[in-house]
Amino acid sequence: MDLVINENGYFLGKRSNRFYVRYLKDGQKQESEFSADNLRSILLASRGSISIGAIELANQHYIDMVVLGRQQKPIARIYPCNLSGAHLVRRLQLEAHLNGEGLKIARKLEASKIRHQANLLKSISKTRKNIDFSNELIEMESTIEKLDGRVVLGSNEIMGFEGRCAALYFSCLSKVIPINTRNPDGQDEANILLNYAYGVLYHEVERACWLVGLDPYLGFLHADRPGKPSLVLDLIEPFRPIIADRAVVTLFAHKKLDEKDFERGPESQVLSLTSSGRKKILEQVLERLSTEYTFNGQKRTWSSWILESSHNVARVLRGNKFELIQWNGG
């Protein structure tokens, strides 16, 4: 399981082989315990403190411990010093970055993302008779064919295709959720929720990179900048529609949100999620990550498929065939 600590003022400590979380809620002391044997990761999503014993226990069990920032993007990660990664994989990753082979991988990932966006739109249209996405889907499927084709494409061309399809995709989503356009700095409810959902997904993909020995900061398509996990941004693409976008659509479609889930700062300019809002989107994303999906006869959770996708990239760098996980919208 994933332990998400979302209460301000918490204290995370250790008792024998167990973690305990202590915090105040409605003026009352609350405490919960969790066995280290049952935890896969600990997400620190609010302000609090941790004991050295808790850090040591997490490292002993290789439990991923991540500090999430305001938009729930990882800002720090605690991992054992003996988790060295695969040096061969990283050398091959650098070579692929320099010789253009990495761009071929990124191209396939972008095609997969657009295919999954199209499949989500198809799934939505099946349950809403008054919505027609056919024109947008025709253009998106034409773009997928170009990305899957043999014509050499540069990074600018690939990003251009991605941007055009993103505009089509979110114009369609605007018919089912209150969003005009996708804007990471947007001050509307849908963009705030997407930022949060993508942040949790960043954590999952970055964790997968570390586990298979890939350098999350050395990407193939997204530009390398200090502090920017560009490979994570490459690898996350196919999973945005499956995990994050689907979670946000579900919250709106099932009318699970209300005004108590959002708040504005002192100057009433910056919109953010309240504790209840964060809890709702976290639960939805984590539920999606734990959903099982069958691909090529294998049934796994989406969290496991994210790890498998990173393994696939590492295998491709070693000269193996790239096998993309295809989602049909179910």
Protein backbone atom coordinates (compact mmCIF):
# COMPACT_ATOMS: atom_id res chain seq x y z
CA MET A 1 0.00 0.00 0.00
CA ASP A 2 0.95 3.66 -0.33
CA LEU A 3 0.87 5.76 2.84
CA VAL A 4 -0.16 9.35 2.10
CA ILE A 5 0.31 11.78 5.00
CA ASN A 6 -1.93 14.75 4.33
CA GLU A 7 -2.39 16.35 7.78
CA ASN A 8 -0.35 19.44 8.66
CA GLY A 9 1.71 19.19 11.85
CA TYR A 10 2.13 15.41 11.66
CA PHE A 11 4.94 13.44 13.24
CA LEU A 12 6.13 10.24 11.54
CA GLY A 13 7.96 7.91 13.90
CA LYS A 14 9.01 4.27 14.32
CA ARG A 15 8.07 1.51 16.75
CA SER A 16 9.89 -1.76 16.12
CA ASN A 17 8.91 -2.76 12.55
CA ARG A 18 6.03 -0.29 12.35
CA PHE A 19 5.56 3.35 11.44
CA TYR A 20 3.23 5.54 13.45
CA VAL A 21 1.72 8.86 12.41
CA ARG A 22 0.61 11.32 15.08
CA TYR A 23 -1.32 14.52 14.40
CA LEU A 24 -4.07 16.79 15.72
CA LYS A 25 -7.54 16.76 14.19
CA ASP A 26 -10.34 18.96 15.51
CA GLY A 27 -8.23 19.55 18.61
CA GLN A 28 -7.91 15.84 19.35
CA LYS A 29 -4.73 13.76 19.17
CA GLN A 30 -4.89 11.09 16.47
CA GLU A 31 -2.47 8.24 15.89
CA SER A 32 -2.27 5.44 13.32
CA GLU A 33 0.22 2.60 12.84
CA PHE A 34 1.39 0.84 9.67
CA SER A 35 3.56 -2.24 9.25
CA ALA A 36 6.73 -1.63 7.22
CA ASP A 37 6.13 -5.00 5.54
CA ASN A 38 2.93 -3.68 3.94
CA LEU A 39 4.19 -0.35 2.60
CA ARG A 40 5.47 0.36 -0.89
CA SER A 41 5.89 4.12 -0.53
CA ILE A 42 5.32 7.02 1.85
CA LEU A 43 4.14 10.31 0.35
CA LEU A 44 4.65 13.32 2.62
CA ALA A 45 2.01 15.66 1.21
CA SER A 46 1.86 18.25 4.00
CA ARG A 47 4.09 19.93 6.56
CA GLY A 48 5.36 17.92 9.48
CA SER A 49 8.40 16.14 10.90
CA ILE A 50 10.04 12.71 10.64
CA SER A 51 12.26 10.79 13.02
CA ILE A 52 15.62 9.38 11.94
CA GLY A 53 14.31 5.97 13.02
CA ALA A 54 11.45 6.24 10.52
CA ILE A 55 13.89 7.10 7.73
CA GLU A 56 16.12 4.13 8.66
CA LEU A 57 13.13 1.77 8.72
CA ALA A 58 12.00 2.97 5.29
CA ASN A 59 15.48 2.46 3.86
CA GLN A 60 15.79 -1.02 5.37
CA HIS A 61 12.61 -2.07 3.56
CA TYR A 62 13.35 -0.08 0.37
CA ILE A 63 10.19 1.95 0.93
CA ASP A 64 10.12 4.99 -1.34
CA MET A 65 9.82 8.14 0.81
CA VAL A 66 8.91 11.29 -1.13
CA VAL A 67 8.28 14.89 -0.10
CA LEU A 68 5.63 16.49 -2.30
CA GLY A 69 5.51 20.23 -3.00
CA ARG A 70 2.50 22.53 -3.28
CA GLN A 71 1.39 21.09 -6.62
CA GLN A 72 2.27 17.57 -5.41
CA LYS A 73 5.35 17.30 -7.60
CA PRO A 74 8.23 15.54 -5.80
CA ILE A 75 10.66 18.08 -4.36
CA ALA A 76 12.81 15.59 -2.41
CA ARG A 77 13.24 11.82 -2.23
CA ILE A 78 14.89 9.74 0.49
CA TYR A 79 16.45 6.49 -0.68
CA PRO A 80 19.21 4.13 0.55
CA CYS A 81 22.82 5.01 -0.27
CA ASN A 82 23.35 1.46 -1.59
CA LEU A 83 20.68 1.95 -4.27
CA SER A 84 23.25 2.64 -6.98
CA GLY A 85 21.29 2.03 -10.19
CA ALA A 86 22.52 0.29 -13.33
CA HIS A 87 25.60 2.08 -14.65
CA LEU A 88 25.41 0.33 -18.02
CA VAL A 89 21.83 1.48 -18.52
CA ARG A 90 22.78 5.08 -17.78
CA ARG A 91 25.70 5.01 -20.18
CA LEU A 92 23.43 3.63 -22.90
CA GLN A 93 20.82 6.24 -21.98
CA LEU A 94 23.35 9.02 -22.55
CA GLU A 95 24.37 7.50 -25.89
CA ALA A 96 20.70 7.31 -26.97
CA HIS A 97 20.25 10.93 -25.92
CA LEU A 98 23.15 11.99 -28.13
CA ASN A 99 22.71 9.76 -31.20
CA GLY A 100 18.97 10.22 -31.77
CA GLU A 101 17.88 6.72 -30.73
CA GLY A 102 16.23 8.21 -27.66
CA LEU A 103 14.08 10.42 -29.88
CA LYS A 104 12.67 7.28 -31.50
CA ILE A 105 11.62 6.08 -28.04
CA ALA A 106 10.05 9.45 -27.20
CA ARG A 107 8.19 9.41 -30.53
CA LYS A 108 6.59 6.08 -29.65
CA LEU A 109 5.67 7.35 -26.19
CA GLU A 110 3.96 10.41 -27.69
CA ALA A 111 2.04 8.24 -30.14
CA SER A 112 0.93 6.08 -27.23
CA LYS A 113 -0.19 9.15 -25.27
CA ILE A 114 -2.32 10.44 -28.17
CA ARG A 115 -3.78 6.95 -28.69
CA HIS A 116 -4.75 6.81 -25.01
CA GLN A 117 -6.23 10.31 -25.19
CA ALA A 118 -8.34 9.18 -28.14
CA ASN A 119 -9.43 6.03 -26.29
CA LEU A 120 -10.51 8.08 -23.27
CA LEU A 121 -12.57 10.35 -25.53
CA LYS A 122 -14.17 7.30 -27.16
CA SER A 123 -15.00 5.90 -23.72
CA ILE A 124 -16.58 9.22 -22.67
CA SER A 125 -18.63 9.53 -25.87
CA LYS A 126 -20.15 6.07 -25.37
CA THR A 127 -21.93 7.26 -22.21
CA ARG A 128 -23.02 10.67 -23.57
CA LYS A 129 -25.28 10.56 -26.61
CA ASN A 130 -25.23 14.33 -27.16
CA ILE A 131 -21.43 14.49 -27.59
CA ASP A 132 -19.62 13.93 -30.89
CA PHE A 133 -15.81 13.84 -30.96
CA SER A 134 -15.55 12.24 -34.41
CA ASN A 135 -13.77 15.12 -36.20
CA GLU A 136 -11.18 15.51 -33.45
CA LEU A 137 -10.64 11.74 -33.30
CA ILE A 138 -10.03 11.55 -37.06
CA GLU A 139 -7.25 14.15 -36.80
CA MET A 140 -5.75 12.52 -33.70
CA GLU A 141 -5.70 9.09 -35.36
CA SER A 142 -4.07 10.61 -38.45
CA THR A 143 -1.36 12.06 -36.19
CA ILE A 144 -0.80 8.67 -34.57
CA GLU A 145 -0.19 7.18 -38.03
CA LYS A 146 2.43 9.86 -38.75
CA LEU A 147 4.20 9.22 -35.46
CA ASP A 148 4.08 5.46 -36.07
CA GLY A 149 5.36 5.91 -39.63
CA ARG A 150 8.89 5.66 -40.99
CA VAL A 151 9.39 9.31 -41.96
CA VAL A 152 12.14 10.86 -39.82
CA LEU A 153 10.77 13.51 -37.45
CA GLY A 154 12.68 16.05 -35.39
CA SER A 155 11.87 16.98 -31.81
CA ASN A 156 10.10 20.20 -32.87
CA GLU A 157 7.85 18.28 -35.25
CA ILE A 158 7.00 15.70 -32.58
CA MET A 159 6.24 18.43 -30.03
CA GLY A 160 4.13 20.20 -32.64
CA PHE A 161 2.01 17.09 -33.17
CA GLU A 162 1.72 16.64 -29.40
CA GLY A 163 0.63 20.25 -28.89
CA ARG A 164 -2.00 20.14 -31.64
CA CYS A 165 -3.51 16.92 -30.31
CA ALA A 166 -3.47 18.29 -26.75
CA ALA A 167 -5.50 21.29 -27.95
CA LEU A 168 -8.01 18.98 -29.65
CA TYR A 169 -8.15 16.68 -26.64
CA PHE A 170 -8.81 19.37 -24.04
CA SER A 171 -11.34 21.09 -26.29
CA CYS A 172 -13.25 17.79 -26.17
CA LEU A 173 -12.80 17.40 -22.42
CA SER A 174 -14.19 20.93 -21.97
CA LYS A 175 -17.58 19.45 -22.88
CA VAL A 176 -17.54 17.19 -19.81
CA ILE A 177 -15.37 19.06 -17.26
CA PRO A 178 -15.10 22.85 -16.60
CA ILE A 179 -11.84 23.56 -18.45
CA ASN A 180 -11.18 25.95 -21.35
CA THR A 181 -7.61 24.90 -22.01
CA ARG A 182 -4.85 23.01 -20.25
CA ASN A 183 -2.72 25.52 -18.36
CA PRO A 184 -0.41 24.45 -15.48
CA ASP A 185 -0.70 27.99 -14.09
CA GLY A 186 -4.46 28.15 -14.57
CA GLN A 187 -6.58 29.24 -11.62
CA ASP A 188 -9.61 27.06 -12.30
CA GLU A 189 -10.72 23.91 -10.51
CA ALA A 190 -9.97 21.47 -13.35
CA ASN A 191 -6.39 22.69 -13.90
CA ILE A 192 -5.71 22.68 -10.15
CA LEU A 193 -6.90 19.07 -9.95
CA LEU A 194 -4.89 18.04 -13.01
CA ASN A 195 -1.75 19.63 -11.51
CA TYR A 196 -2.25 17.61 -8.35
CA ALA A 197 -2.97 14.37 -10.20
CA TYR A 198 0.05 14.81 -12.49
CA GLY A 199 2.21 15.51 -9.44
CA VAL A 200 1.32 12.17 -7.86
CA LEU A 201 1.92 10.48 -11.21
CA TYR A 202 5.36 12.17 -11.49
CA HIS A 203 6.27 10.50 -8.20
CA GLU A 204 5.22 7.09 -9.51
CA VAL A 205 7.18 7.41 -12.76
CA GLU A 206 10.29 8.84 -11.10
CA ARG A 207 10.24 5.96 -8.63
CA ALA A 208 10.12 3.52 -11.56
CA CYS A 209 13.14 5.23 -13.17
CA TRP A 210 15.22 4.86 -10.00
CA LEU A 211 14.24 1.21 -9.60
CA VAL A 212 15.31 0.18 -13.12
CA GLY A 213 18.50 2.28 -13.15
CA LEU A 214 17.40 5.06 -15.52
CA ASP A 215 18.46 8.65 -14.88
CA PRO A 216 15.16 10.55 -14.48
CA TYR A 217 16.90 13.83 -15.38
CA LEU A 218 18.26 12.75 -18.78
CA GLY A 219 15.38 12.79 -21.23
CA PHE A 220 15.01 12.24 -24.95
CA LEU A 221 12.34 14.73 -26.04
CA HIS A 222 11.76 17.18 -23.21
CA ALA A 223 14.55 19.73 -22.79
CA ASP A 224 17.13 19.13 -20.07
CA ARG A 225 17.18 21.87 -17.47
CA PRO A 226 18.60 21.87 -13.92
CA GLY A 227 16.12 20.28 -11.53
CA LYS A 228 13.78 19.17 -14.32
CA PRO A 229 13.21 15.38 -14.51
CA SER A 230 13.03 15.36 -18.31
CA LEU A 231 12.97 11.57 -18.70
CA VAL A 232 10.07 11.42 -16.24
CA LEU A 233 8.25 13.91 -18.48
CA ASP A 234 8.90 11.61 -21.45
CA LEU A 235 7.81 8.42 -19.71
CA ILE A 236 4.76 9.90 -18.01
CA GLU A 237 3.07 10.82 -21.29
CA PRO A 238 1.18 7.57 -22.08
CA PHE A 239 -0.13 7.39 -18.50
CA ARG A 240 -1.57 10.91 -18.16
CA PRO A 241 -4.91 10.03 -19.84
CA ILE A 242 -5.12 6.60 -18.18
CA ILE A 243 -4.44 7.69 -14.60
CA ALA A 244 -4.63 11.45 -14.01
CA ASP A 245 -7.11 12.66 -16.64
CA ARG A 246 -9.42 9.72 -15.98
CA ALA A 247 -9.34 10.49 -12.24
CA VAL A 248 -10.31 14.15 -12.75
CA VAL A 249 -13.07 13.29 -15.23
CA THR A 250 -14.48 10.78 -12.73
CA LEU A 251 -14.59 13.36 -9.93
CA PHE A 252 -16.55 15.80 -12.06
CA ALA A 253 -18.75 13.20 -13.77
CA HIS A 254 -19.81 11.65 -10.47
CA LYS A 255 -20.23 15.09 -8.86
CA LYS A 256 -17.87 14.27 -6.00
CA LEU A 257 -16.57 17.84 -5.65
CA ASP A 258 -18.01 20.83 -3.81
CA GLU A 259 -16.93 24.35 -2.79
CA LYS A 260 -15.34 23.04 0.43
CA ASP A 261 -12.67 21.29 -1.66
CA PHE A 262 -11.16 24.59 -2.86
CA GLU A 263 -9.94 27.77 -1.22
CA ARG A 264 -8.27 31.04 -2.16
CA GLY A 265 -5.33 32.75 -0.49
CA PRO A 266 -5.44 35.98 1.56
CA GLU A 267 -5.65 38.16 -1.57
CA SER A 268 -8.27 35.86 -3.17
CA GLN A 269 -6.04 35.33 -6.21
CA VAL A 270 -4.47 31.89 -5.83
CA LEU A 271 -6.82 28.92 -5.90
CA SER A 272 -5.71 25.77 -4.13
CA LEU A 273 -7.13 22.51 -2.86
CA THR A 274 -8.25 22.16 0.74
CA SER A 275 -7.46 19.08 2.78
CA SER A 276 -10.72 17.47 1.65
CA GLY A 277 -10.00 18.32 -2.00
CA ARG A 278 -6.51 16.85 -1.81
CA LYS A 279 -7.90 13.73 -0.20
CA LYS A 280 -10.47 13.24 -2.96
CA ILE A 281 -8.05 13.54 -5.87
CA LEU A 282 -5.39 11.47 -4.09
CA GLU A 283 -7.86 8.68 -3.44
CA GLN A 284 -8.99 8.75 -7.05
CA VAL A 285 -5.45 8.65 -8.48
CA LEU A 286 -4.28 5.93 -6.07
CA GLU A 287 -7.38 3.89 -6.83
CA ARG A 288 -6.59 4.20 -10.52
CA LEU A 289 -2.96 3.16 -9.94
CA SER A 290 -4.17 0.03 -8.13
CA THR A 291 -6.67 -0.87 -10.88
CA GLU A 292 -5.72 -4.05 -12.73
CA TYR A 293 -5.40 -4.14 -16.50
CA THR A 294 -4.64 -7.09 -18.79
CA PHE A 295 -2.09 -6.63 -21.57
CA ASN A 296 -0.66 -9.50 -23.67
CA GLY A 297 -2.23 -12.00 -21.30
CA GLN A 298 -0.69 -10.48 -18.16
CA LYS A 299 -2.88 -8.90 -15.50
CA ARG A 300 -1.21 -6.20 -13.40
CA THR A 301 -2.03 -2.96 -11.64
CA TRP A 302 -1.36 0.28 -13.51
CA SER A 303 1.38 1.00 -10.98
CA SER A 304 3.09 -2.23 -12.05
CA TRP A 305 2.62 -1.38 -15.72
CA ILE A 306 4.36 1.97 -15.15
CA LEU A 307 7.33 0.08 -13.72
CA GLU A 308 7.20 -2.37 -16.65
CA SER A 309 7.18 0.54 -19.11
CA SER A 310 10.41 1.86 -17.55
CA HIS A 311 11.87 -1.65 -17.75
CA ASN A 312 10.94 -1.69 -21.44
CA VAL A 313 12.89 1.52 -22.04
CA ALA A 314 15.93 0.03 -20.28
CA ARG A 315 15.60 -3.12 -22.44
CA VAL A 316 15.41 -1.05 -25.63
CA LEU A 317 18.61 0.72 -24.67
CA ARG A 318 20.21 -2.74 -24.51
CA GLY A 319 19.01 -3.51 -28.03
CA ASN A 320 15.67 -5.24 -27.43
CA LYS A 321 12.35 -4.49 -29.13
CA PHE A 322 10.22 -1.74 -27.60
CA GLU A 323 6.85 -3.14 -26.44
CA LEU A 324 4.33 -0.42 -25.63
CA ILE A 325 1.42 -1.04 -23.27
CA GLN A 326 -1.76 -0.18 -25.16
CA TRP A 327 -4.89 0.86 -23.28
CA ASN A 328 -8.27 0.43 -24.98
CA GLY A 329 -10.15 2.84 -22.74
CA GLY A 330 -11.63 0.28 -20.37
